[in-house]
N, C-alpha and C. Protein backbone atom coordinates (compact mmCIF):
# COMPACT_ATOMS: atom_id res chain seq x y z
N MET A 1 -153.11 105.43 -107.69
CA MET A 1 -152.21 104.85 -106.69
C MET A 1 -152.39 103.33 -106.62
N LYS A 2 -153.66 102.88 -106.69
CA LYS A 2 -153.93 101.44 -106.64
C LYS A 2 -153.29 100.73 -107.83
N LYS A 3 -153.34 101.38 -109.02
CA LYS A 3 -152.76 100.78 -110.21
C LYS A 3 -151.25 100.63 -110.06
N ILE A 4 -150.61 101.65 -109.48
CA ILE A 4 -149.16 101.61 -109.28
C ILE A 4 -148.79 100.48 -108.33
N LEU A 5 -149.55 100.34 -107.24
CA LEU A 5 -149.28 99.26 -106.28
C LEU A 5 -149.48 97.89 -106.92
N LEU A 6 -150.51 97.76 -107.74
CA LEU A 6 -150.78 96.48 -108.42
C LEU A 6 -149.65 96.14 -109.38
N LEU A 7 -149.18 97.13 -110.15
CA LEU A 7 -148.06 96.90 -111.06
C LEU A 7 -146.79 96.52 -110.31
N LEU A 8 -146.57 97.17 -109.17
CA LEU A 8 -145.39 96.87 -108.36
C LEU A 8 -145.46 95.44 -107.83
N LEU A 9 -146.63 95.02 -107.34
CA LEU A 9 -146.81 93.66 -106.83
C LEU A 9 -146.61 92.63 -107.93
N CYS A 10 -147.14 92.91 -109.13
CA CYS A 10 -146.97 92.00 -110.27
C CYS A 10 -145.51 91.86 -110.63
N SER A 11 -144.80 92.99 -110.61
CA SER A 11 -143.38 92.99 -110.94
C SER A 11 -142.59 92.16 -109.93
N ILE A 12 -142.90 92.34 -108.63
CA ILE A 12 -142.23 91.57 -107.58
C ILE A 12 -142.53 90.09 -107.74
N SER A 13 -143.79 89.75 -108.05
CA SER A 13 -144.18 88.35 -108.21
C SER A 13 -143.44 87.70 -109.37
N LEU A 14 -143.35 88.42 -110.50
CA LEU A 14 -142.65 87.87 -111.66
C LEU A 14 -141.18 87.67 -111.37
N ASN A 15 -140.57 88.62 -110.67
CA ASN A 15 -139.15 88.48 -110.31
C ASN A 15 -138.93 87.32 -109.37
N ALA A 16 -139.89 87.08 -108.48
CA ALA A 16 -139.77 85.97 -107.53
C ALA A 16 -139.87 84.63 -108.26
N ILE A 17 -140.71 84.60 -109.30
CA ILE A 17 -140.90 83.35 -110.05
C ILE A 17 -139.69 83.07 -110.94
N ALA A 18 -139.20 84.09 -111.66
CA ALA A 18 -138.10 83.91 -112.60
C ALA A 18 -136.78 83.94 -111.85
N GLN A 19 -136.28 82.76 -111.52
CA GLN A 19 -135.05 82.65 -110.75
C GLN A 19 -134.02 81.88 -111.55
N GLU A 20 -132.77 82.01 -111.13
CA GLU A 20 -131.73 81.19 -111.74
C GLU A 20 -131.73 79.82 -111.09
N ILE A 21 -131.32 78.82 -111.85
CA ILE A 21 -131.22 77.45 -111.34
C ILE A 21 -129.98 77.35 -110.46
N THR A 22 -130.14 76.76 -109.29
CA THR A 22 -129.00 76.60 -108.39
C THR A 22 -128.32 75.25 -108.66
N TYR A 23 -127.09 75.13 -108.18
CA TYR A 23 -126.35 73.87 -108.36
C TYR A 23 -127.06 72.73 -107.64
N ASP A 24 -127.60 73.00 -106.45
CA ASP A 24 -128.31 71.95 -105.71
C ASP A 24 -129.54 71.48 -106.48
N GLU A 25 -130.24 72.41 -107.12
CA GLU A 25 -131.40 72.02 -107.93
C GLU A 25 -130.96 71.19 -109.13
N PHE A 26 -129.87 71.61 -109.77
CA PHE A 26 -129.34 70.85 -110.90
C PHE A 26 -129.00 69.42 -110.48
N ARG A 27 -128.40 69.28 -109.32
CA ARG A 27 -128.00 67.95 -108.83
C ARG A 27 -129.18 67.02 -108.60
N THR A 28 -130.37 67.55 -108.36
CA THR A 28 -131.53 66.69 -108.12
C THR A 28 -131.94 65.91 -109.38
N ILE A 29 -131.49 66.35 -110.55
CA ILE A 29 -131.83 65.66 -111.80
C ILE A 29 -130.93 64.45 -112.02
N ILE A 30 -129.70 64.51 -111.52
CA ILE A 30 -128.68 63.49 -111.83
C ILE A 30 -129.12 62.07 -111.47
N PRO A 31 -129.70 61.82 -110.27
CA PRO A 31 -130.11 60.43 -109.96
C PRO A 31 -131.08 59.84 -110.98
N PHE A 32 -131.95 60.66 -111.54
CA PHE A 32 -132.89 60.17 -112.55
C PHE A 32 -132.14 59.75 -113.82
N LEU A 33 -131.12 60.54 -114.19
CA LEU A 33 -130.34 60.20 -115.38
C LEU A 33 -129.53 58.92 -115.16
N VAL A 34 -128.97 58.77 -113.97
CA VAL A 34 -128.20 57.57 -113.64
C VAL A 34 -129.07 56.33 -113.75
N LYS A 35 -130.31 56.42 -113.29
CA LYS A 35 -131.26 55.28 -113.37
C LYS A 35 -131.92 55.16 -114.74
N GLU A 36 -131.62 56.11 -115.61
CA GLU A 36 -132.28 56.21 -116.91
C GLU A 36 -133.80 56.30 -116.76
N ASP A 37 -134.19 57.02 -115.71
CA ASP A 37 -135.60 57.38 -115.54
C ASP A 37 -135.78 58.70 -116.30
N PHE A 38 -135.87 58.57 -117.63
CA PHE A 38 -135.90 59.74 -118.49
C PHE A 38 -137.14 60.60 -118.25
N LYS A 39 -138.23 59.96 -117.92
CA LYS A 39 -139.48 60.70 -117.68
C LYS A 39 -139.32 61.67 -116.51
N SER A 40 -138.79 61.18 -115.38
CA SER A 40 -138.59 62.05 -114.21
C SER A 40 -137.53 63.10 -114.49
N ALA A 41 -136.47 62.72 -115.21
CA ALA A 41 -135.41 63.69 -115.55
C ALA A 41 -135.98 64.81 -116.41
N PHE A 42 -136.85 64.45 -117.37
CA PHE A 42 -137.46 65.48 -118.20
C PHE A 42 -138.39 66.36 -117.38
N GLU A 43 -139.25 65.76 -116.58
CA GLU A 43 -140.22 66.54 -115.81
C GLU A 43 -139.52 67.50 -114.86
N LYS A 44 -138.45 67.04 -114.21
CA LYS A 44 -137.71 67.89 -113.27
C LYS A 44 -137.01 69.03 -114.01
N SER A 45 -136.34 68.70 -115.11
CA SER A 45 -135.63 69.75 -115.86
C SER A 45 -136.62 70.75 -116.45
N ASP A 46 -137.73 70.26 -116.97
CA ASP A 46 -138.74 71.13 -117.56
C ASP A 46 -139.32 72.08 -116.51
N ALA A 47 -139.56 71.57 -115.31
CA ALA A 47 -140.10 72.41 -114.22
C ALA A 47 -139.09 73.50 -113.84
N LEU A 48 -137.82 73.15 -113.77
CA LEU A 48 -136.79 74.14 -113.43
C LEU A 48 -136.69 75.22 -114.51
N LEU A 49 -136.75 74.80 -115.77
CA LEU A 49 -136.63 75.76 -116.87
C LEU A 49 -137.82 76.71 -116.93
N LYS A 50 -138.99 76.22 -116.58
CA LYS A 50 -140.19 77.05 -116.66
C LYS A 50 -140.17 78.21 -115.68
N ARG A 51 -139.39 78.09 -114.60
CA ARG A 51 -139.37 79.19 -113.64
C ARG A 51 -138.13 80.08 -113.77
N THR A 52 -137.36 79.88 -114.86
CA THR A 52 -136.21 80.77 -115.10
C THR A 52 -136.61 81.82 -116.14
N SER A 53 -135.88 82.92 -116.14
CA SER A 53 -136.17 83.98 -117.10
C SER A 53 -135.40 83.72 -118.40
N ASP A 54 -135.85 84.34 -119.48
CA ASP A 54 -135.15 84.22 -120.76
C ASP A 54 -133.77 84.86 -120.69
N ASP A 55 -133.58 85.77 -119.74
CA ASP A 55 -132.29 86.46 -119.60
C ASP A 55 -131.24 85.60 -118.91
N ASP A 56 -131.66 84.50 -118.30
CA ASP A 56 -130.71 83.63 -117.59
C ASP A 56 -129.82 82.95 -118.62
N ASP A 57 -128.55 83.34 -118.65
CA ASP A 57 -127.59 82.80 -119.61
C ASP A 57 -126.55 81.93 -118.89
N SER A 58 -126.94 81.37 -117.75
CA SER A 58 -125.99 80.63 -116.92
C SER A 58 -125.67 79.26 -117.52
N ASP A 59 -124.51 78.73 -117.13
CA ASP A 59 -124.12 77.38 -117.54
C ASP A 59 -125.12 76.35 -117.04
N LEU A 60 -125.63 76.54 -115.82
CA LEU A 60 -126.58 75.57 -115.27
C LEU A 60 -127.85 75.51 -116.11
N LYS A 61 -128.35 76.65 -116.53
CA LYS A 61 -129.55 76.63 -117.37
C LYS A 61 -129.25 75.94 -118.70
N ALA A 62 -128.07 76.20 -119.27
CA ALA A 62 -127.69 75.56 -120.53
C ALA A 62 -127.59 74.05 -120.36
N GLN A 63 -127.08 73.59 -119.21
CA GLN A 63 -126.97 72.16 -118.94
C GLN A 63 -128.34 71.53 -118.76
N VAL A 64 -129.22 72.20 -118.03
CA VAL A 64 -130.57 71.68 -117.80
C VAL A 64 -131.35 71.66 -119.12
N SER A 65 -131.12 72.64 -119.97
CA SER A 65 -131.77 72.67 -121.29
C SER A 65 -131.34 71.47 -122.12
N TYR A 66 -130.05 71.16 -122.10
CA TYR A 66 -129.55 69.98 -122.80
C TYR A 66 -130.19 68.71 -122.24
N ILE A 67 -130.26 68.61 -120.91
CA ILE A 67 -130.85 67.43 -120.27
C ILE A 67 -132.30 67.25 -120.69
N ALA A 68 -133.04 68.34 -120.81
CA ALA A 68 -134.44 68.25 -121.22
C ALA A 68 -134.56 67.58 -122.60
N ILE A 69 -133.70 67.98 -123.54
CA ILE A 69 -133.72 67.39 -124.88
C ILE A 69 -133.27 65.93 -124.82
N PHE A 70 -132.18 65.67 -124.12
CA PHE A 70 -131.64 64.31 -123.99
C PHE A 70 -132.66 63.37 -123.35
N ALA A 71 -133.28 63.83 -122.26
CA ALA A 71 -134.27 63.00 -121.56
C ALA A 71 -135.51 62.76 -122.42
N ALA A 72 -135.94 63.78 -123.16
CA ALA A 72 -137.09 63.61 -124.05
C ALA A 72 -136.78 62.58 -125.13
N ALA A 73 -135.54 62.60 -125.65
CA ALA A 73 -135.14 61.58 -126.63
C ALA A 73 -135.15 60.20 -125.99
N GLY A 74 -134.69 60.12 -124.74
CA GLY A 74 -134.73 58.85 -124.01
C GLY A 74 -136.15 58.34 -123.84
N MET A 75 -137.08 59.26 -123.60
CA MET A 75 -138.49 58.87 -123.46
C MET A 75 -139.03 58.30 -124.76
N VAL A 76 -138.57 58.84 -125.90
CA VAL A 76 -139.01 58.30 -127.19
C VAL A 76 -138.58 56.84 -127.32
N THR A 77 -137.35 56.52 -126.88
CA THR A 77 -136.86 55.14 -126.99
C THR A 77 -137.66 54.18 -126.12
N LYS A 78 -138.29 54.72 -125.08
CA LYS A 78 -139.08 53.87 -124.17
C LYS A 78 -140.58 53.97 -124.43
N ASP A 79 -140.95 54.57 -125.56
CA ASP A 79 -142.36 54.76 -125.92
C ASP A 79 -143.12 55.57 -124.88
N GLU A 80 -142.43 56.49 -124.20
CA GLU A 80 -143.07 57.37 -123.22
C GLU A 80 -143.38 58.74 -123.82
N LYS A 81 -142.83 58.99 -125.00
CA LYS A 81 -143.13 60.21 -125.76
C LYS A 81 -143.12 59.85 -127.24
N SER A 82 -143.94 60.57 -128.00
CA SER A 82 -143.96 60.37 -129.45
C SER A 82 -142.89 61.25 -130.09
N TYR A 83 -142.57 60.94 -131.33
CA TYR A 83 -141.66 61.79 -132.09
C TYR A 83 -142.23 63.20 -132.22
N GLU A 84 -143.54 63.29 -132.37
CA GLU A 84 -144.20 64.60 -132.51
C GLU A 84 -143.99 65.44 -131.24
N ASP A 85 -144.14 64.81 -130.08
CA ASP A 85 -143.91 65.52 -128.81
C ASP A 85 -142.45 65.94 -128.68
N PHE A 86 -141.54 65.01 -129.05
CA PHE A 86 -140.12 65.33 -128.98
C PHE A 86 -139.79 66.54 -129.87
N GLU A 87 -140.37 66.57 -131.06
CA GLU A 87 -140.14 67.68 -131.98
C GLU A 87 -140.60 69.00 -131.39
N LYS A 88 -141.79 69.00 -130.77
CA LYS A 88 -142.32 70.23 -130.16
C LYS A 88 -141.41 70.71 -129.03
N ILE A 89 -140.94 69.77 -128.22
CA ILE A 89 -140.05 70.12 -127.10
C ILE A 89 -138.76 70.73 -127.63
N THR A 90 -138.15 70.07 -128.60
CA THR A 90 -136.84 70.51 -129.09
C THR A 90 -136.93 71.85 -129.81
N LYS A 91 -138.04 72.10 -130.50
CA LYS A 91 -138.23 73.39 -131.18
C LYS A 91 -138.15 74.56 -130.20
N ARG A 92 -138.56 74.34 -128.96
CA ARG A 92 -138.51 75.41 -127.95
C ARG A 92 -137.09 75.89 -127.68
N PHE A 93 -136.10 75.04 -128.00
CA PHE A 93 -134.72 75.37 -127.67
C PHE A 93 -133.93 75.93 -128.85
N ILE A 94 -134.55 76.06 -130.01
CA ILE A 94 -133.85 76.66 -131.15
C ILE A 94 -133.44 78.09 -130.77
N GLY A 95 -132.18 78.40 -130.99
CA GLY A 95 -131.66 79.72 -130.65
C GLY A 95 -131.24 79.85 -129.19
N LYS A 96 -131.40 78.77 -128.42
CA LYS A 96 -131.03 78.78 -127.00
C LYS A 96 -129.69 78.09 -126.79
N ARG A 97 -129.05 78.43 -125.70
CA ARG A 97 -127.75 77.87 -125.37
C ARG A 97 -127.91 76.52 -124.68
N LEU A 98 -127.12 75.54 -125.10
CA LEU A 98 -127.09 74.21 -124.49
C LEU A 98 -125.66 73.91 -124.06
N LYS A 99 -125.52 73.09 -123.04
CA LYS A 99 -124.19 72.64 -122.63
C LYS A 99 -124.28 71.16 -122.31
N MET A 100 -123.48 70.35 -123.00
CA MET A 100 -123.58 68.90 -122.87
C MET A 100 -122.88 68.39 -121.63
N SER A 101 -123.05 67.09 -121.39
CA SER A 101 -122.35 66.41 -120.30
C SER A 101 -120.86 66.33 -120.64
N GLY A 102 -120.05 66.02 -119.62
CA GLY A 102 -118.63 65.80 -119.87
C GLY A 102 -118.42 64.47 -120.59
N HIS A 103 -117.54 64.46 -121.61
CA HIS A 103 -117.21 63.24 -122.36
C HIS A 103 -115.71 63.17 -122.57
N PRO A 104 -115.14 61.95 -122.59
CA PRO A 104 -113.73 61.83 -122.95
C PRO A 104 -113.52 62.27 -124.40
N CYS A 105 -112.47 63.02 -124.65
CA CYS A 105 -112.13 63.43 -126.01
C CYS A 105 -111.18 62.38 -126.58
N VAL A 106 -111.55 61.81 -127.73
CA VAL A 106 -110.75 60.76 -128.35
C VAL A 106 -110.27 61.24 -129.71
N ALA A 107 -109.28 60.55 -130.25
CA ALA A 107 -108.74 60.91 -131.56
C ALA A 107 -109.79 60.69 -132.64
N ALA A 108 -109.74 61.48 -133.69
CA ALA A 108 -110.69 61.36 -134.80
C ALA A 108 -110.63 59.95 -135.38
N GLY A 109 -111.81 59.43 -135.73
CA GLY A 109 -111.88 58.10 -136.32
C GLY A 109 -111.96 56.97 -135.31
N SER A 110 -112.05 57.32 -134.01
CA SER A 110 -112.11 56.28 -132.98
C SER A 110 -113.46 55.58 -132.91
N ASN A 111 -114.49 56.20 -133.48
CA ASN A 111 -115.84 55.62 -133.52
C ASN A 111 -116.39 55.26 -132.13
N GLY A 112 -115.98 55.98 -131.13
CA GLY A 112 -116.46 55.70 -129.77
C GLY A 112 -117.78 56.38 -129.48
N MET A 113 -118.67 55.64 -128.85
CA MET A 113 -119.92 56.25 -128.41
C MET A 113 -119.70 56.90 -127.06
N ASN A 114 -120.48 57.94 -126.78
CA ASN A 114 -120.38 58.69 -125.53
C ASN A 114 -118.98 59.26 -125.34
N THR A 115 -118.36 59.63 -126.45
CA THR A 115 -117.08 60.32 -126.43
C THR A 115 -117.20 61.54 -127.35
N PHE A 116 -116.23 62.42 -127.25
CA PHE A 116 -116.20 63.61 -128.12
C PHE A 116 -114.98 63.50 -129.02
N GLN A 117 -115.12 63.91 -130.28
CA GLN A 117 -113.96 63.97 -131.17
C GLN A 117 -114.12 65.10 -132.17
N PHE A 118 -112.98 65.55 -132.67
CA PHE A 118 -112.97 66.55 -133.74
C PHE A 118 -113.03 65.80 -135.06
N VAL A 119 -113.92 66.23 -135.95
CA VAL A 119 -114.09 65.58 -137.25
C VAL A 119 -114.13 66.65 -138.33
N LYS A 120 -114.03 66.20 -139.58
CA LYS A 120 -114.15 67.12 -140.72
C LYS A 120 -115.57 67.00 -141.27
N ASP A 121 -116.25 68.11 -141.39
CA ASP A 121 -117.59 68.13 -141.97
C ASP A 121 -117.50 67.69 -143.43
N GLU A 122 -118.27 66.66 -143.79
CA GLU A 122 -118.20 66.12 -145.16
C GLU A 122 -118.63 67.14 -146.22
N GLU A 123 -119.58 68.00 -145.88
CA GLU A 123 -120.08 68.97 -146.86
C GLU A 123 -119.17 70.18 -147.01
N THR A 124 -118.71 70.71 -145.89
CA THR A 124 -117.93 71.96 -145.94
C THR A 124 -116.43 71.75 -145.84
N GLY A 125 -116.00 70.59 -145.33
CA GLY A 125 -114.58 70.34 -145.11
C GLY A 125 -114.03 71.03 -143.88
N LYS A 126 -114.92 71.71 -143.15
CA LYS A 126 -114.47 72.43 -141.95
C LYS A 126 -114.45 71.52 -140.73
N GLN A 127 -113.65 71.93 -139.75
CA GLN A 127 -113.58 71.20 -138.49
C GLN A 127 -114.86 71.40 -137.69
N ARG A 128 -115.30 70.35 -137.04
CA ARG A 128 -116.43 70.44 -136.12
C ARG A 128 -116.24 69.40 -135.02
N GLY A 129 -116.99 69.53 -133.97
CA GLY A 129 -116.97 68.54 -132.91
C GLY A 129 -118.15 67.60 -133.07
N ALA A 130 -118.01 66.36 -132.59
CA ALA A 130 -119.09 65.39 -132.71
C ALA A 130 -119.13 64.46 -131.50
N THR A 131 -120.34 64.16 -131.07
CA THR A 131 -120.57 63.21 -129.99
C THR A 131 -121.77 62.35 -130.35
N ILE A 132 -121.69 61.07 -130.02
CA ILE A 132 -122.82 60.16 -130.18
C ILE A 132 -123.26 59.78 -128.76
N SER A 133 -124.40 60.33 -128.32
CA SER A 133 -124.87 60.10 -126.95
C SER A 133 -125.91 58.98 -126.95
N THR A 134 -125.64 57.96 -126.13
CA THR A 134 -126.50 56.78 -126.11
C THR A 134 -127.03 56.51 -124.71
N ASN A 135 -127.88 55.49 -124.62
CA ASN A 135 -128.25 54.97 -123.31
C ASN A 135 -127.08 54.14 -122.77
N LYS A 136 -127.21 53.66 -121.53
CA LYS A 136 -126.09 52.92 -120.90
C LYS A 136 -125.70 51.68 -121.68
N ASP A 137 -126.69 50.95 -122.18
CA ASP A 137 -126.42 49.70 -122.89
C ASP A 137 -125.97 49.92 -124.34
N LYS A 138 -125.99 51.16 -124.78
CA LYS A 138 -125.60 51.54 -126.14
C LYS A 138 -126.48 50.84 -127.19
N THR A 139 -127.73 50.62 -126.82
CA THR A 139 -128.69 50.01 -127.75
C THR A 139 -129.48 51.07 -128.50
N ASN A 140 -129.50 52.30 -127.96
CA ASN A 140 -130.22 53.40 -128.60
C ASN A 140 -129.33 54.63 -128.63
N ILE A 141 -129.23 55.26 -129.80
CA ILE A 141 -128.55 56.55 -129.89
C ILE A 141 -129.61 57.62 -129.68
N LEU A 142 -129.47 58.35 -128.57
CA LEU A 142 -130.45 59.39 -128.29
C LEU A 142 -130.18 60.61 -129.16
N LEU A 143 -128.91 61.02 -129.22
CA LEU A 143 -128.56 62.22 -129.99
C LEU A 143 -127.22 62.06 -130.68
N PHE A 144 -127.18 62.41 -131.96
CA PHE A 144 -125.93 62.73 -132.64
C PHE A 144 -125.77 64.24 -132.42
N GLU A 145 -124.63 64.66 -131.89
CA GLU A 145 -124.43 66.08 -131.58
C GLU A 145 -123.27 66.61 -132.43
N TYR A 146 -123.50 67.75 -133.08
CA TYR A 146 -122.48 68.37 -133.93
C TYR A 146 -122.25 69.80 -133.47
N TYR A 147 -120.97 70.15 -133.28
CA TYR A 147 -120.58 71.44 -132.74
C TYR A 147 -119.71 72.20 -133.74
N ASP A 148 -120.20 73.36 -134.20
CA ASP A 148 -119.45 74.20 -135.12
C ASP A 148 -118.78 75.33 -134.33
N PHE A 149 -117.44 75.31 -134.32
CA PHE A 149 -116.66 76.29 -133.56
C PHE A 149 -116.38 77.53 -134.41
N PRO A 150 -116.39 78.70 -133.79
CA PRO A 150 -116.08 79.92 -134.54
C PRO A 150 -114.62 80.00 -134.96
N GLU A 151 -113.75 79.27 -134.24
CA GLU A 151 -112.32 79.25 -134.57
C GLU A 151 -111.83 77.80 -134.59
N ILE A 152 -110.78 77.55 -135.35
CA ILE A 152 -110.21 76.21 -135.42
C ILE A 152 -109.59 75.86 -134.06
N GLN A 153 -109.89 74.65 -133.60
CA GLN A 153 -109.37 74.17 -132.32
C GLN A 153 -108.20 73.22 -132.57
N ASN A 154 -107.29 73.13 -131.61
CA ASN A 154 -106.18 72.19 -131.69
C ASN A 154 -106.58 70.93 -130.93
N PRO A 155 -106.88 69.83 -131.63
CA PRO A 155 -107.32 68.61 -130.94
C PRO A 155 -106.33 68.13 -129.88
N ASP A 156 -105.03 68.36 -130.10
CA ASP A 156 -104.02 67.89 -129.14
C ASP A 156 -104.21 68.51 -127.76
N ASP A 157 -104.88 69.65 -127.71
CA ASP A 157 -105.13 70.30 -126.41
C ASP A 157 -106.18 69.53 -125.59
N TYR A 158 -106.94 68.65 -126.26
CA TYR A 158 -108.07 68.02 -125.60
C TYR A 158 -108.08 66.50 -125.61
N VAL A 159 -107.44 65.86 -126.60
CA VAL A 159 -107.48 64.40 -126.68
C VAL A 159 -106.88 63.79 -125.41
N GLY A 160 -107.61 62.81 -124.85
CA GLY A 160 -107.18 62.17 -123.60
C GLY A 160 -107.74 62.82 -122.36
N LYS A 161 -108.47 63.93 -122.55
CA LYS A 161 -109.06 64.63 -121.41
C LYS A 161 -110.58 64.58 -121.52
N THR A 162 -111.24 64.84 -120.41
CA THR A 162 -112.70 64.92 -120.44
C THR A 162 -113.07 66.36 -120.75
N VAL A 163 -113.95 66.53 -121.74
CA VAL A 163 -114.32 67.87 -122.18
C VAL A 163 -115.83 68.07 -122.08
N ARG A 164 -116.21 69.32 -122.09
CA ARG A 164 -117.63 69.68 -122.11
C ARG A 164 -117.81 70.75 -123.17
N CYS A 165 -118.73 70.49 -124.10
CA CYS A 165 -119.01 71.45 -125.17
C CYS A 165 -120.37 72.10 -124.97
N GLY A 166 -120.52 73.24 -125.58
CA GLY A 166 -121.79 73.93 -125.56
C GLY A 166 -121.95 74.71 -126.84
N GLY A 167 -123.08 75.38 -126.97
CA GLY A 167 -123.31 76.20 -128.15
C GLY A 167 -124.78 76.56 -128.26
N ILE A 168 -125.12 77.21 -129.35
CA ILE A 168 -126.49 77.63 -129.62
C ILE A 168 -127.15 76.59 -130.53
N LEU A 169 -128.30 76.08 -130.11
CA LEU A 169 -128.99 75.10 -130.94
C LEU A 169 -129.49 75.79 -132.21
N ASP A 170 -128.92 75.39 -133.34
CA ASP A 170 -129.26 76.00 -134.62
C ASP A 170 -130.39 75.24 -135.32
N ARG A 171 -130.29 73.92 -135.31
CA ARG A 171 -131.31 73.10 -135.96
C ARG A 171 -131.21 71.67 -135.46
N PHE A 172 -132.21 70.87 -135.80
CA PHE A 172 -132.19 69.45 -135.46
C PHE A 172 -132.92 68.68 -136.53
N GLU A 173 -132.59 67.40 -136.61
CA GLU A 173 -133.23 66.51 -137.58
C GLU A 173 -133.70 65.27 -136.84
N LEU A 174 -134.91 64.84 -137.10
CA LEU A 174 -135.43 63.61 -136.52
C LEU A 174 -135.04 62.43 -137.41
N SER A 175 -134.95 61.25 -136.82
CA SER A 175 -134.70 60.04 -137.60
C SER A 175 -135.79 59.90 -138.65
N PRO A 176 -135.43 59.81 -139.93
CA PRO A 176 -136.46 59.75 -140.97
C PRO A 176 -137.33 58.50 -140.89
N THR A 177 -136.80 57.43 -140.29
CA THR A 177 -137.58 56.19 -140.18
C THR A 177 -138.39 56.13 -138.89
N ARG A 178 -138.16 57.11 -138.01
CA ARG A 178 -138.82 57.14 -136.70
C ARG A 178 -138.57 55.84 -135.91
N SER A 179 -137.39 55.29 -136.09
CA SER A 179 -137.03 54.07 -135.36
C SER A 179 -136.53 54.43 -133.97
N LYS A 180 -136.22 53.43 -133.19
CA LYS A 180 -135.65 53.66 -131.86
C LYS A 180 -134.13 53.52 -131.89
N ILE A 181 -133.58 53.19 -133.06
CA ILE A 181 -132.12 53.03 -133.17
C ILE A 181 -131.42 54.36 -132.92
N TRP A 182 -131.92 55.42 -133.57
CA TRP A 182 -131.44 56.76 -133.24
C TRP A 182 -132.60 57.72 -133.35
N ILE A 183 -132.58 58.73 -132.49
CA ILE A 183 -133.73 59.63 -132.38
C ILE A 183 -133.53 60.93 -133.15
N ALA A 184 -132.40 61.60 -132.94
CA ALA A 184 -132.25 62.91 -133.58
C ALA A 184 -130.79 63.31 -133.72
N ARG A 185 -130.56 64.24 -134.64
CA ARG A 185 -129.29 64.94 -134.76
C ARG A 185 -129.51 66.38 -134.33
N ILE A 186 -128.60 66.91 -133.51
CA ILE A 186 -128.69 68.32 -133.15
C ILE A 186 -127.42 69.03 -133.62
N HIS A 187 -127.60 70.26 -134.10
CA HIS A 187 -126.49 71.04 -134.65
C HIS A 187 -126.37 72.34 -133.86
N LEU A 188 -125.19 72.57 -133.28
CA LEU A 188 -124.96 73.76 -132.47
C LEU A 188 -123.91 74.66 -133.12
N THR A 189 -124.18 75.95 -133.11
CA THR A 189 -123.24 76.94 -133.63
C THR A 189 -122.63 77.69 -132.45
N GLN A 190 -121.64 78.55 -132.77
CA GLN A 190 -120.94 79.33 -131.74
C GLN A 190 -120.49 78.42 -130.60
N ALA A 191 -119.98 77.25 -131.00
CA ALA A 191 -119.64 76.23 -130.01
C ALA A 191 -118.44 76.63 -129.15
N THR A 192 -118.45 76.12 -127.94
CA THR A 192 -117.34 76.31 -127.01
C THR A 192 -116.92 74.92 -126.51
N ILE A 193 -115.68 74.83 -126.08
CA ILE A 193 -115.18 73.59 -125.49
C ILE A 193 -114.28 73.94 -124.32
N ASN A 194 -114.40 73.18 -123.26
CA ASN A 194 -113.51 73.38 -122.12
C ASN A 194 -113.23 72.05 -121.44
N ILE A 195 -112.13 72.00 -120.73
CA ILE A 195 -111.79 70.80 -119.95
C ILE A 195 -112.79 70.70 -118.81
N PHE A 196 -113.37 69.52 -118.65
CA PHE A 196 -114.38 69.30 -117.63
C PHE A 196 -113.71 69.03 -116.28
N VAL A 197 -114.05 69.84 -115.30
CA VAL A 197 -113.53 69.67 -113.94
C VAL A 197 -114.73 69.42 -113.03
N PRO A 198 -114.91 68.17 -112.53
CA PRO A 198 -116.07 67.89 -111.66
C PRO A 198 -116.02 68.73 -110.40
N ARG A 199 -117.21 69.09 -109.91
CA ARG A 199 -117.29 69.88 -108.68
C ARG A 199 -117.24 68.97 -107.48
């Protein structure tokens, strides 16, 4: 009987710890990102992720997961994290769902930073989405983001609108020179795109 009670208490404790991220909790990260306090943004997002379950497939968890990678890349640009630490952090998200920030969708070839566009993959010739995410001053590229969609998208449905993409992190590449000019490329499969509507 004691063993059954102990197992029941452990189960209740684990369920209490593994919670979904709330919108209010998500919002507490935003001021750190606005100030480019990447260290605090990473610590807050990492703490929220540690208390969620692996079964949590919510958009908020996907957004916080993306922020953790983005903030860790920002820390590398400020010498607050090493490339080795960034690599360890990002490896944790392989096979996990990420959802990026909202970005204006621009026509292909616009070369805009912090925008989204549909491009042709040079190797495969297939359509993919791409974003170059930088710091505010555009002096450091934190992430080159590539989105592979399961179906061909019509760019006309999105150009001129703010969009938000997501997908499963398939792989990433670190800057081979380990410079601060750009930190990493991330590649997402099973990508999704939707018109971003602020809450």
